[in-house]
Amino acid sequence: MSASTVKNAERLLQVLLSPVVSEKSTYVGEKHNQYTFRVAADATKPEIKAAVEFMFNVKVASVNVVNQNGKEKRFGRFAGRRSDTKKAYVSLAAGQTIDFGGAEQA
């Protein structure tokens, strides 16, 4: 591999931070074959698509991105703020799936 290819692969590994596991993401996943990921704040749609295809060996149909502003919270008498996050809803091509668990269910 060339130096630019290695650098590009390293960037793709840094784009996806974690999968989002919630009631909404599970519902969307079952209904529309979409998976939800927390992504880097500076990630672009083409980078997210390339990262998912690179890491999970699947074909991505589309990517939708949501920027969430952090909420202001109070901790007793101290005011604080949660950090801003970026989520990506990744639609896979028909017949494609991603297995996060790896463990088989009975």
PDB file of N, CA and C in Angstrom:
ATOM      1  N   MET A   1       0.832  -1.190   0.000  1.00  0.00           N
ATOM      2  CA  MET A   1       0.000   0.000   0.000  1.00  0.00           C
ATOM      3  C   MET A   1       0.870   1.244   0.000  1.00  0.00           C
ATOM      4  N   SER A   2       0.395   2.271  -0.697  1.00  0.00           N
ATOM      5  CA  SER A   2       1.137   3.522  -0.728  1.00  0.00           C
ATOM      6  C   SER A   2       0.858   4.316   0.543  1.00  0.00           C
ATOM      7  N   ALA A   3       1.631   5.361   0.750  1.00  0.00           N
ATOM      8  CA  ALA A   3       1.488   6.184   1.958  1.00  0.00           C
ATOM      9  C   ALA A   3       0.134   6.879   2.010  1.00  0.00           C
ATOM     10  N   SER A   4      -0.363   7.322   0.855  1.00  0.00           N
ATOM     11  CA  SER A   4      -1.666   7.997   0.836  1.00  0.00           C
ATOM     12  C   SER A   4      -2.798   7.018   1.133  1.00  0.00           C
ATOM     13  N   THR A   5      -2.669   5.767   0.686  1.00  0.00           N
ATOM     14  CA  THR A   5      -3.692   4.760   0.962  1.00  0.00           C
ATOM     15  C   THR A   5      -3.731   4.419   2.446  1.00  0.00           C
ATOM     16  N   VAL A   6      -2.570   4.312   3.074  1.00  0.00           N
ATOM     17  CA  VAL A   6      -2.508   4.024   4.508  1.00  0.00           C
ATOM     18  C   VAL A   6      -3.088   5.184   5.298  1.00  0.00           C
ATOM     19  N   LYS A   7      -2.765   6.413   4.894  1.00  0.00           N
ATOM     20  CA  LYS A   7      -3.295   7.589   5.581  1.00  0.00           C
ATOM     21  C   LYS A   7      -4.809   7.651   5.435  1.00  0.00           C
ATOM     22  N   ASN A   8      -5.317   7.324   4.248  1.00  0.00           N
ATOM     23  CA  ASN A   8      -6.755   7.326   3.996  1.00  0.00           C
ATOM     24  C   ASN A   8      -7.439   6.256   4.846  1.00  0.00           C
ATOM     25  N   ALA A   9      -6.850   5.064   4.958  1.00  0.00           N
ATOM     26  CA  ALA A   9      -7.421   3.992   5.776  1.00  0.00           C
ATOM     27  C   ALA A   9      -7.446   4.389   7.243  1.00  0.00           C
ATOM     28  N   GLU A  10      -6.405   5.068   7.710  1.00  0.00           N
ATOM     29  CA  GLU A  10      -6.371   5.533   9.095  1.00  0.00           C
ATOM     30  C   GLU A  10      -7.485   6.548   9.340  1.00  0.00           C
ATOM     31  N   ARG A  11      -7.733   7.421   8.395  1.00  0.00           N
ATOM     32  CA  ARG A  11      -8.811   8.407   8.538  1.00  0.00           C
ATOM     33  C   ARG A  11     -10.167   7.708   8.589  1.00  0.00           C
ATOM     34  N   LEU A  12     -10.375   6.706   7.738  1.00  0.00           N
ATOM     35  CA  LEU A  12     -11.644   5.988   7.729  1.00  0.00           C
ATOM     36  C   LEU A  12     -11.893   5.276   9.055  1.00  0.00           C
ATOM     37  N   LEU A  13     -10.844   4.800   9.695  1.00  0.00           N
ATOM     38  CA  LEU A  13     -11.002   4.143  10.992  1.00  0.00           C
ATOM     39  C   LEU A  13     -11.344   5.140  12.100  1.00  0.00           C
ATOM     40  N   GLN A  14     -11.063   6.425  11.895  1.00  0.00           N
ATOM     41  CA  GLN A  14     -11.349   7.442  12.898  1.00  0.00           C
ATOM     42  C   GLN A  14     -12.706   8.105  12.703  1.00  0.00           C
ATOM     43  N   VAL A  15     -13.352   7.863  11.570  1.00  0.00           N
ATOM     44  CA  VAL A  15     -14.617   8.537  11.266  1.00  0.00           C
ATOM     45  C   VAL A  15     -15.748   7.996  12.138  1.00  0.00           C
ATOM     46  N   LEU A  16     -15.907   6.679  12.215  1.00  0.00           N
ATOM     47  CA  LEU A  16     -16.974   6.075  13.012  1.00  0.00           C
ATOM     48  C   LEU A  16     -16.520   5.951  14.454  1.00  0.00           C
ATOM     49  N   LEU A  17     -17.282   6.538  15.379  1.00  0.00           N
ATOM     50  CA  LEU A  17     -16.923   6.475  16.796  1.00  0.00           C
ATOM     51  C   LEU A  17     -17.593   5.301  17.499  1.00  0.00           C
ATOM     52  N   SER A  18     -18.909   5.131  17.294  1.00  0.00           N
ATOM     53  CA  SER A  18     -19.616   4.018  17.928  1.00  0.00           C
ATOM     54  C   SER A  18     -20.996   3.876  17.296  1.00  0.00           C
ATOM     55  N   PRO A  19     -21.576   2.678  17.391  1.00  0.00           N
ATOM     56  CA  PRO A  19     -22.966   2.544  16.972  1.00  0.00           C
ATOM     57  C   PRO A  19     -23.879   3.129  18.041  1.00  0.00           C
ATOM     58  N   VAL A  20     -25.033   3.633  17.631  1.00  0.00           N
ATOM     59  CA  VAL A  20     -26.020   4.153  18.572  1.00  0.00           C
ATOM     60  C   VAL A  20     -27.038   3.048  18.823  1.00  0.00           C
ATOM     61  N   VAL A  21     -27.181   2.666  20.088  1.00  0.00           N
ATOM     62  CA  VAL A  21     -28.147   1.633  20.444  1.00  0.00           C
ATOM     63  C   VAL A  21     -29.236   2.283  21.283  1.00  0.00           C
ATOM     64  N   SER A  22     -30.402   2.468  20.679  1.00  0.00           N
ATOM     65  CA  SER A  22     -31.537   3.075  21.366  1.00  0.00           C
ATOM     66  C   SER A  22     -32.809   2.487  20.761  1.00  0.00           C
ATOM     67  N   GLU A  23     -33.947   2.825  21.342  1.00  0.00           N
ATOM     68  CA  GLU A  23     -35.208   2.328  20.803  1.00  0.00           C
ATOM     69  C   GLU A  23     -35.428   2.840  19.384  1.00  0.00           C
ATOM     70  N   LYS A  24     -35.137   4.133  19.169  1.00  0.00           N
ATOM     71  CA  LYS A  24     -35.354   4.712  17.849  1.00  0.00           C
ATOM     72  C   LYS A  24     -34.429   4.084  16.809  1.00  0.00           C
ATOM     73  N   SER A  25     -33.155   3.910  17.143  1.00  0.00           N
ATOM     74  CA  SER A  25     -32.228   3.350  16.163  1.00  0.00           C
ATOM     75  C   SER A  25     -32.573   1.888  15.851  1.00  0.00           C
ATOM     76  N   THR A  26     -33.062   1.146  16.836  1.00  0.00           N
ATOM     77  CA  THR A  26     -33.478  -0.233  16.597  1.00  0.00           C
ATOM     78  C   THR A  26     -34.697  -0.278  15.689  1.00  0.00           C
ATOM     79  N   TYR A  27     -35.664   0.609  15.943  1.00  0.00           N
ATOM     80  CA  TYR A  27     -36.868   0.670  15.118  1.00  0.00           C
ATOM     81  C   TYR A  27     -36.524   1.033  13.673  1.00  0.00           C
ATOM     82  N   VAL A  28     -35.700   2.054  13.500  1.00  0.00           N
ATOM     83  CA  VAL A  28     -35.299   2.487  12.157  1.00  0.00           C
ATOM     84  C   VAL A  28     -34.533   1.370  11.452  1.00  0.00           C
ATOM     85  N   GLY A  29     -33.684   0.677  12.192  1.00  0.00           N
ATOM     86  CA  GLY A  29     -32.917  -0.404  11.604  1.00  0.00           C
ATOM     87  C   GLY A  29     -33.783  -1.536  11.095  1.00  0.00           C
ATOM     88  N   GLU A  30     -34.796  -1.902  11.874  1.00  0.00           N
ATOM     89  CA  GLU A  30     -35.669  -2.995  11.463  1.00  0.00           C
ATOM     90  C   GLU A  30     -36.595  -2.581  10.316  1.00  0.00           C
ATOM     91  N   LYS A  31     -37.081  -1.352  10.366  1.00  0.00           N
ATOM     92  CA  LYS A  31     -38.080  -0.918   9.390  1.00  0.00           C
ATOM     93  C   LYS A  31     -37.461  -0.515   8.046  1.00  0.00           C
ATOM     94  N   HIS A  32     -36.312   0.165   8.068  1.00  0.00           N
ATOM     95  CA  HIS A  32     -35.753   0.737   6.836  1.00  0.00           C
ATOM     96  C   HIS A  32     -34.364   0.222   6.486  1.00  0.00           C
ATOM     97  N   ASN A  33     -33.878  -0.796   7.179  1.00  0.00           N
ATOM     98  CA  ASN A  33     -32.533  -1.341   6.948  1.00  0.00           C
ATOM     99  C   ASN A  33     -31.473  -0.246   7.071  1.00  0.00           C
ATOM    100  N   GLN A  34     -31.595   0.569   8.142  1.00  0.00           N
ATOM    101  CA  GLN A  34     -30.638   1.629   8.418  1.00  0.00           C
ATOM    102  C   GLN A  34     -29.909   1.333   9.722  1.00  0.00           C
ATOM    103  N   TYR A  35     -28.683   1.794   9.815  1.00  0.00           N
ATOM    104  CA  TYR A  35     -27.889   1.677  11.031  1.00  0.00           C
ATOM    105  C   TYR A  35     -27.441   3.067  11.436  1.00  0.00           C
ATOM    106  N   THR A  36     -27.383   3.307  12.746  1.00  0.00           N
ATOM    107  CA  THR A  36     -27.066   4.632  13.268  1.00  0.00           C
ATOM    108  C   THR A  36     -25.708   4.585  13.945  1.00  0.00           C
ATOM    109  N   PHE A  37     -24.861   5.570  13.627  1.00  0.00           N
ATOM    110  CA  PHE A  37     -23.522   5.654  14.201  1.00  0.00           C
ATOM    111  C   PHE A  37     -23.260   7.057  14.734  1.00  0.00           C
ATOM    112  N   ARG A  38     -22.517   7.167  15.838  1.00  0.00           N
ATOM    113  CA  ARG A  38     -21.927   8.441  16.238  1.00  0.00           C
ATOM    114  C   ARG A  38     -20.676   8.589  15.386  1.00  0.00           C
ATOM    115  N   VAL A  39     -20.498   9.770  14.797  1.00  0.00           N
ATOM    116  CA  VAL A  39     -19.362   9.981  13.901  1.00  0.00           C
ATOM    117  C   VAL A  39     -18.567  11.210  14.342  1.00  0.00           C
ATOM    118  N   ALA A  40     -17.382  11.359  13.796  1.00  0.00           N
ATOM    119  CA  ALA A  40     -16.536  12.516  14.094  1.00  0.00           C
ATOM    120  C   ALA A  40     -17.231  13.788  13.625  1.00  0.00           C
ATOM    121  N   ALA A  41     -17.011  14.879  14.348  1.00  0.00           N
ATOM    122  CA  ALA A  41     -17.694  16.140  14.066  1.00  0.00           C
ATOM    123  C   ALA A  41     -17.349  16.691  12.685  1.00  0.00           C
ATOM    124  N   ASP A  42     -16.161  16.381  12.165  1.00  0.00           N
ATOM    125  CA  ASP A  42     -15.744  16.907  10.868  1.00  0.00           C
ATOM    126  C   ASP A  42     -15.927  15.896   9.729  1.00  0.00           C
ATOM    127  N   ALA A  43     -16.644  14.808   9.988  1.00  0.00           N
ATOM    128  CA  ALA A  43     -16.838  13.774   8.968  1.00  0.00           C
ATOM    129  C   ALA A  43     -17.845  14.230   7.919  1.00  0.00           C
ATOM    130  N   THR A  44     -17.582  13.864   6.675  1.00  0.00           N
ATOM    131  CA  THR A  44     -18.488  14.183   5.577  1.00  0.00           C
ATOM    132  C   THR A  44     -19.255  12.925   5.161  1.00  0.00           C
ATOM    133  N   LYS A  45     -20.324  13.103   4.403  1.00  0.00           N
ATOM    134  CA  LYS A  45     -21.118  11.958   3.953  1.00  0.00           C
ATOM    135  C   LYS A  45     -20.290  10.951   3.138  1.00  0.00           C
ATOM    136  N   PRO A  46     -19.460  11.400   2.183  1.00  0.00           N
ATOM    137  CA  PRO A  46     -18.642  10.426   1.445  1.00  0.00           C
ATOM    138  C   PRO A  46     -17.655   9.676   2.349  1.00  0.00           C
ATOM    139  N   GLU A  47     -17.093  10.362   3.352  1.00  0.00           N
ATOM    140  CA  GLU A  47     -16.187   9.689   4.287  1.00  0.00           C
ATOM    141  C   GLU A  47     -16.930   8.645   5.112  1.00  0.00           C
ATOM    142  N   ILE A  48     -18.131   8.974   5.567  1.00  0.00           N
ATOM    143  CA  ILE A  48     -18.919   8.039   6.372  1.00  0.00           C
ATOM    144  C   ILE A  48     -19.273   6.819   5.533  1.00  0.00           C
ATOM    145  N   LYS A  49     -19.692   7.041   4.294  1.00  0.00           N
ATOM    146  CA  LYS A  49     -20.029   5.933   3.395  1.00  0.00           C
ATOM    147  C   LYS A  49     -18.815   5.036   3.168  1.00  0.00           C
ATOM    148  N   ALA A  50     -17.670   5.639   2.894  1.00  0.00           N
ATOM    149  CA  ALA A  50     -16.453   4.864   2.656  1.00  0.00           C
ATOM    150  C   ALA A  50     -16.027   4.106   3.913  1.00  0.00           C
ATOM    151  N   ALA A  51     -16.191   4.721   5.083  1.00  0.00           N
ATOM    152  CA  ALA A  51     -15.787   4.075   6.337  1.00  0.00           C
ATOM    153  C   ALA A  51     -16.651   2.856   6.631  1.00  0.00           C
ATOM    154  N   VAL A  52     -17.966   2.968   6.437  1.00  0.00           N
ATOM    155  CA  VAL A  52     -18.855   1.833   6.687  1.00  0.00           C
ATOM    156  C   VAL A  52     -18.569   0.706   5.701  1.00  0.00           C
ATOM    157  N   GLU A  53     -18.378   1.046   4.434  1.00  0.00           N
ATOM    158  CA  GLU A  53     -18.065   0.020   3.437  1.00  0.00           C
ATOM    159  C   GLU A  53     -16.721  -0.637   3.716  1.00  0.00           C
ATOM    160  N   PHE A  54     -15.748   0.129   4.182  1.00  0.00           N
ATOM    161  CA  PHE A  54     -14.414  -0.386   4.485  1.00  0.00           C
ATOM    162  C   PHE A  54     -14.426  -1.296   5.713  1.00  0.00           C
ATOM    163  N   MET A  55     -15.136  -0.885   6.767  1.00  0.00           N
ATOM    164  CA  MET A  55     -15.080  -1.619   8.033  1.00  0.00           C
ATOM    165  C   MET A  55     -15.991  -2.846   8.057  1.00  0.00           C
ATOM    166  N   PHE A  56     -17.144  -2.788   7.389  1.00  0.00           N
ATOM    167  CA  PHE A  56     -18.116  -3.874   7.502  1.00  0.00           C
ATOM    168  C   PHE A  56     -18.324  -4.661   6.214  1.00  0.00           C
ATOM    169  N   ASN A  57     -17.644  -4.309   5.132  1.00  0.00           N
ATOM    170  CA  ASN A  57     -17.750  -4.995   3.845  1.00  0.00           C
ATOM    171  C   ASN A  57     -19.206  -5.115   3.382  1.00  0.00           C
ATOM    172  N   VAL A  58     -19.896  -3.968   3.352  1.00  0.00           N
ATOM    173  CA  VAL A  58     -21.284  -3.905   2.886  1.00  0.00           C
ATOM    174  C   VAL A  58     -21.389  -2.810   1.830  1.00  0.00           C
ATOM    175  N   LYS A  59     -22.503  -2.782   1.126  1.00  0.00           N
ATOM    176  CA  LYS A  59     -22.765  -1.745   0.126  1.00  0.00           C
ATOM    177  C   LYS A  59     -23.736  -0.742   0.714  1.00  0.00           C
ATOM    178  N   VAL A  60     -23.320   0.531   0.794  1.00  0.00           N
ATOM    179  CA  VAL A  60     -24.135   1.598   1.381  1.00  0.00           C
ATOM    180  C   VAL A  60     -24.945   2.268   0.276  1.00  0.00           C
ATOM    181  N   ALA A  61     -26.262   2.405   0.516  1.00  0.00           N
ATOM    182  CA  ALA A  61     -27.131   3.069  -0.457  1.00  0.00           C
ATOM    183  C   ALA A  61     -27.128   4.578  -0.249  1.00  0.00           C
ATOM    184  N   SER A  62     -27.265   5.039   1.016  1.00  0.00           N
ATOM    185  CA  SER A  62     -27.274   6.471   1.279  1.00  0.00           C
ATOM    186  C   SER A  62     -26.879   6.744   2.727  1.00  0.00           C
ATOM    187  N   VAL A  63     -26.543   8.018   2.980  1.00  0.00           N
ATOM    188  CA  VAL A  63     -26.155   8.462   4.315  1.00  0.00           C
ATOM    189  C   VAL A  63     -26.896   9.759   4.628  1.00  0.00           C
ATOM    190  N   ASN A  64     -27.562   9.810   5.784  1.00  0.00           N
ATOM    191  CA  ASN A  64     -28.181  11.033   6.291  1.00  0.00           C
ATOM    192  C   ASN A  64     -27.455  11.410   7.573  1.00  0.00           C
ATOM    193  N   VAL A  65     -27.197  12.712   7.755  1.00  0.00           N
ATOM    194  CA  VAL A  65     -26.414  13.183   8.891  1.00  0.00           C
ATOM    195  C   VAL A  65     -27.252  14.124   9.740  1.00  0.00           C
ATOM    196  N   VAL A  66     -27.119  13.998  11.076  1.00  0.00           N
ATOM    197  CA  VAL A  66     -27.832  14.840  12.033  1.00  0.00           C
ATOM    198  C   VAL A  66     -26.805  15.444  12.982  1.00  0.00           C
ATOM    199  N   ASN A  67     -26.809  16.778  13.111  1.00  0.00           N
ATOM    200  CA  ASN A  67     -25.981  17.454  14.104  1.00  0.00           C
ATOM    201  C   ASN A  67     -26.852  17.734  15.317  1.00  0.00           C
ATOM    202  N   GLN A  68     -26.475  17.205  16.477  1.00  0.00           N
ATOM    203  CA  GLN A  68     -27.226  17.417  17.706  1.00  0.00           C
ATOM    204  C   GLN A  68     -26.475  18.392  18.590  1.00  0.00           C
ATOM    205  N   ASN A  69     -27.156  19.468  18.981  1.00  0.00           N
ATOM    206  CA  ASN A  69     -26.559  20.405  19.917  1.00  0.00           C
ATOM    207  C   ASN A  69     -26.657  19.843  21.324  1.00  0.00           C
ATOM    208  N   GLY A  70     -25.604  20.034  22.119  1.00  0.00           N
ATOM    209  CA  GLY A  70     -25.596  19.552  23.490  1.00  0.00           C
ATOM    210  C   GLY A  70     -26.544  20.358  24.358  1.00  0.00           C
ATOM    211  N   LYS A  71     -27.174  19.680  25.317  1.00  0.00           N
ATOM    212  CA  LYS A  71     -28.124  20.350  26.210  1.00  0.00           C
ATOM    213  C   LYS A  71     -27.379  21.054  27.334  1.00  0.00           C
ATOM    214  N   GLU A  72     -27.968  22.129  27.804  1.00  0.00           N
ATOM    215  CA  GLU A  72     -27.444  22.773  29.001  1.00  0.00           C
ATOM    216  C   GLU A  72     -28.043  22.068  30.207  1.00  0.00           C
ATOM    217  N   LYS A  73     -27.208  21.662  31.142  1.00  0.00           N
ATOM    218  CA  LYS A  73     -27.648  20.930  32.325  1.00  0.00           C
ATOM    219  C   LYS A  73     -27.105  21.616  33.570  1.00  0.00           C
ATOM    220  N   ARG A  74     -27.806  21.399  34.668  1.00  0.00           N
ATOM    221  CA  ARG A  74     -27.346  21.918  35.949  1.00  0.00           C
ATOM    222  C   ARG A  74     -26.924  20.751  36.823  1.00  0.00           C
ATOM    223  N   PHE A  75     -25.812  20.930  37.497  1.00  0.00           N
ATOM    224  CA  PHE A  75     -25.329  19.951  38.459  1.00  0.00           C
ATOM    225  C   PHE A  75     -25.281  20.661  39.799  1.00  0.00           C
ATOM    226  N   GLY A  76     -26.405  20.636  40.521  1.00  0.00           N
ATOM    227  CA  GLY A  76     -26.488  21.411  41.755  1.00  0.00           C
ATOM    228  C   GLY A  76     -26.488  22.880  41.408  1.00  0.00           C
ATOM    229  N   ARG A  77     -25.540  23.607  41.950  1.00  0.00           N
ATOM    230  CA  ARG A  77     -25.481  25.045  41.658  1.00  0.00           C
ATOM    231  C   ARG A  77     -24.581  25.365  40.475  1.00  0.00           C
ATOM    232  N   PHE A  78     -24.015  24.355  39.846  1.00  0.00           N
ATOM    233  CA  PHE A  78     -23.104  24.569  38.728  1.00  0.00           C
ATOM    234  C   PHE A  78     -23.830  24.318  37.407  1.00  0.00           C
ATOM    235  N   ALA A  79     -23.679  25.241  36.480  1.00  0.00           N
ATOM    236  CA  ALA A  79     -24.255  25.072  35.151  1.00  0.00           C
ATOM    237  C   ALA A  79     -23.227  24.386  34.262  1.00  0.00           C
ATOM    238  N   GLY A  80     -23.684  23.455  33.468  1.00  0.00           N
ATOM    239  CA  GLY A  80     -22.787  22.746  32.559  1.00  0.00           C
ATOM    240  C   GLY A  80     -23.442  22.560  31.209  1.00  0.00           C
ATOM    241  N   ARG A  81     -22.709  22.006  30.303  1.00  0.00           N
ATOM    242  CA  ARG A  81     -23.230  21.781  28.956  1.00  0.00           C
ATOM    243  C   ARG A  81     -22.670  20.477  28.430  1.00  0.00           C
ATOM    244  N   ARG A  82     -23.563  19.663  27.885  1.00  0.00           N
ATOM    245  CA  ARG A  82     -23.120  18.440  27.224  1.00  0.00           C
ATOM    246  C   ARG A  82     -22.519  18.794  25.870  1.00  0.00           C
ATOM    247  N   SER A  83     -21.631  17.941  25.379  1.00  0.00           N
ATOM    248  CA  SER A  83     -20.986  18.246  24.111  1.00  0.00           C
ATOM    249  C   SER A  83     -21.916  17.994  22.926  1.00  0.00           C
ATOM    250  N   ASP A  84     -21.667  18.730  21.852  1.00  0.00           N
ATOM    251  CA  ASP A  84     -22.404  18.542  20.605  1.00  0.00           C
ATOM    252  C   ASP A  84     -21.970  17.215  19.990  1.00  0.00           C
ATOM    253  N   THR A  85     -22.902  16.533  19.329  1.00  0.00           N
ATOM    254  CA  THR A  85     -22.583  15.260  18.693  1.00  0.00           C
ATOM    255  C   THR A  85     -23.097  15.264  17.257  1.00  0.00           C
ATOM    256  N   LYS A  86     -22.579  14.339  16.479  1.00  0.00           N
ATOM    257  CA  LYS A  86     -23.007  14.171  15.096  1.00  0.00           C
ATOM    258  C   LYS A  86     -23.355  12.699  14.908  1.00  0.00           C
ATOM    259  N   LYS A  87     -24.548  12.447  14.354  1.00  0.00           N
ATOM    260  CA  LYS A  87     -24.990  11.083  14.098  1.00  0.00           C
ATOM    261  C   LYS A  87     -25.193  10.893  12.609  1.00  0.00           C
ATOM    262  N   ALA A  88     -24.970   9.666  12.157  1.00  0.00           N
ATOM    263  CA  ALA A  88     -25.198   9.326  10.762  1.00  0.00           C
ATOM    264  C   ALA A  88     -26.146   8.142  10.687  1.00  0.00           C
ATOM    265  N   TYR A  89     -27.205   8.291   9.885  1.00  0.00           N
ATOM    266  CA  TYR A  89     -28.113   7.190   9.585  1.00  0.00           C
ATOM    267  C   TYR A  89     -27.674   6.618   8.236  1.00  0.00           C
ATOM    268  N   VAL A  90     -27.191   5.380   8.241  1.00  0.00           N
ATOM    269  CA  VAL A  90     -26.630   4.747   7.049  1.00  0.00           C
ATOM    270  C   VAL A  90     -27.616   3.721   6.524  1.00  0.00           C
ATOM    271  N   SER A  91     -28.103   3.919   5.299  1.00  0.00           N
ATOM    272  CA  SER A  91     -29.002   2.968   4.645  1.00  0.00           C
ATOM    273  C   SER A  91     -28.172   2.005   3.823  1.00  0.00           C
ATOM    274  N   LEU A  92     -28.423   0.718   4.017  1.00  0.00           N
ATOM    275  CA  LEU A  92     -27.691  -0.290   3.268  1.00  0.00           C
ATOM    276  C   LEU A  92     -28.491  -0.733   2.055  1.00  0.00           C
ATOM    277  N   ALA A  93     -27.787  -1.278   1.085  1.00  0.00           N
ATOM    278  CA  ALA A  93     -28.436  -1.810  -0.103  1.00  0.00           C
ATOM    279  C   ALA A  93     -29.263  -3.033   0.288  1.00  0.00           C
ATOM    280  N   ALA A  94     -30.209  -3.401  -0.555  1.00  0.00           N
ATOM    281  CA  ALA A  94     -31.093  -4.527  -0.267  1.00  0.00           C
ATOM    282  C   ALA A  94     -30.281  -5.805  -0.057  1.00  0.00           C
ATOM    283  N   GLY A  95     -30.634  -6.550   0.989  1.00  0.00           N
ATOM    284  CA  GLY A  95     -29.958  -7.812   1.278  1.00  0.00           C
ATOM    285  C   GLY A  95     -28.694  -7.684   2.108  1.00  0.00           C
ATOM    286  N   GLN A  96     -28.267  -6.466   2.448  1.00  0.00           N
ATOM    287  CA  GLN A  96     -27.053  -6.258   3.228  1.00  0.00           C
ATOM    288  C   GLN A  96     -27.414  -6.083   4.712  1.00  0.00           C
ATOM    289  N   THR A  97     -26.581  -6.625   5.597  1.00  0.00           N
ATOM    290  CA  THR A  97     -26.778  -6.450   7.041  1.00  0.00           C
ATOM    291  C   THR A  97     -25.427  -6.261   7.717  1.00  0.00           C
ATOM    292  N   ILE A  98     -25.466  -5.676   8.907  1.00  0.00           N
ATOM    293  CA  ILE A  98     -24.273  -5.531   9.737  1.00  0.00           C
ATOM    294  C   ILE A  98     -24.556  -6.256  11.046  1.00  0.00           C
ATOM    295  N   ASP A  99     -23.645  -7.151  11.459  1.00  0.00           N
ATOM    296  CA  ASP A  99     -23.804  -7.882  12.720  1.00  0.00           C
ATOM    297  C   ASP A  99     -22.834  -7.284  13.739  1.00  0.00           C
ATOM    298  N   PHE A 100     -23.371  -6.566  14.736  1.00  0.00           N
ATOM    299  CA  PHE A 100     -22.527  -5.953  15.758  1.00  0.00           C
ATOM    300  C   PHE A 100     -22.163  -6.943  16.849  1.00  0.00           C
ATOM    301  N   GLY A 101     -23.101  -7.820  17.213  1.00  0.00           N
ATOM    302  CA  GLY A 101     -22.935  -8.688  18.382  1.00  0.00           C
ATOM    303  C   GLY A 101     -21.908  -9.783  18.169  1.00  0.00           C
ATOM    304  N   GLY A 102     -22.015 -10.487  17.094  1.00  0.00           N
ATOM    305  CA  GLY A 102     -21.116 -11.600  16.857  1.00  0.00           C
ATOM    306  C   GLY A 102     -21.554 -12.858  17.585  1.00  0.00           C
ATOM    307  N   ALA A 103     -22.324 -12.727  18.671  1.00  0.00           N
ATOM    308  CA  ALA A 103     -22.801 -13.888  19.413  1.00  0.00           C
ATOM    309  C   ALA A 103     -24.118 -14.363  18.816  1.00  0.00           C
ATOM    310  N   GLU A 104     -24.273 -15.669  18.760  1.00  0.00           N
ATOM    311  CA  GLU A 104     -25.503 -16.220  18.208  1.00  0.00           C
ATOM    312  C   GLU A 104     -26.560 -16.309  19.296  1.00  0.00           C
ATOM    313  N   GLN A 105     -27.802 -16.069  18.909  1.00  0.00           N
ATOM    314  CA  GLN A 105     -28.906 -16.170  19.843  1.00  0.00           C
ATOM    315  C   GLN A 105     -29.590 -17.519  19.664  1.00  0.00           C
ATOM    316  N   ALA A 106     -30.106 -18.043  20.748  1.00  0.00           N
ATOM    317  CA  ALA A 106     -30.758 -19.366  20.697  1.00  0.00           C
ATOM    318  C   ALA A 106     -32.173 -19.255  20.209  1.00  0.00           C
TER     319      ALA A 106
END
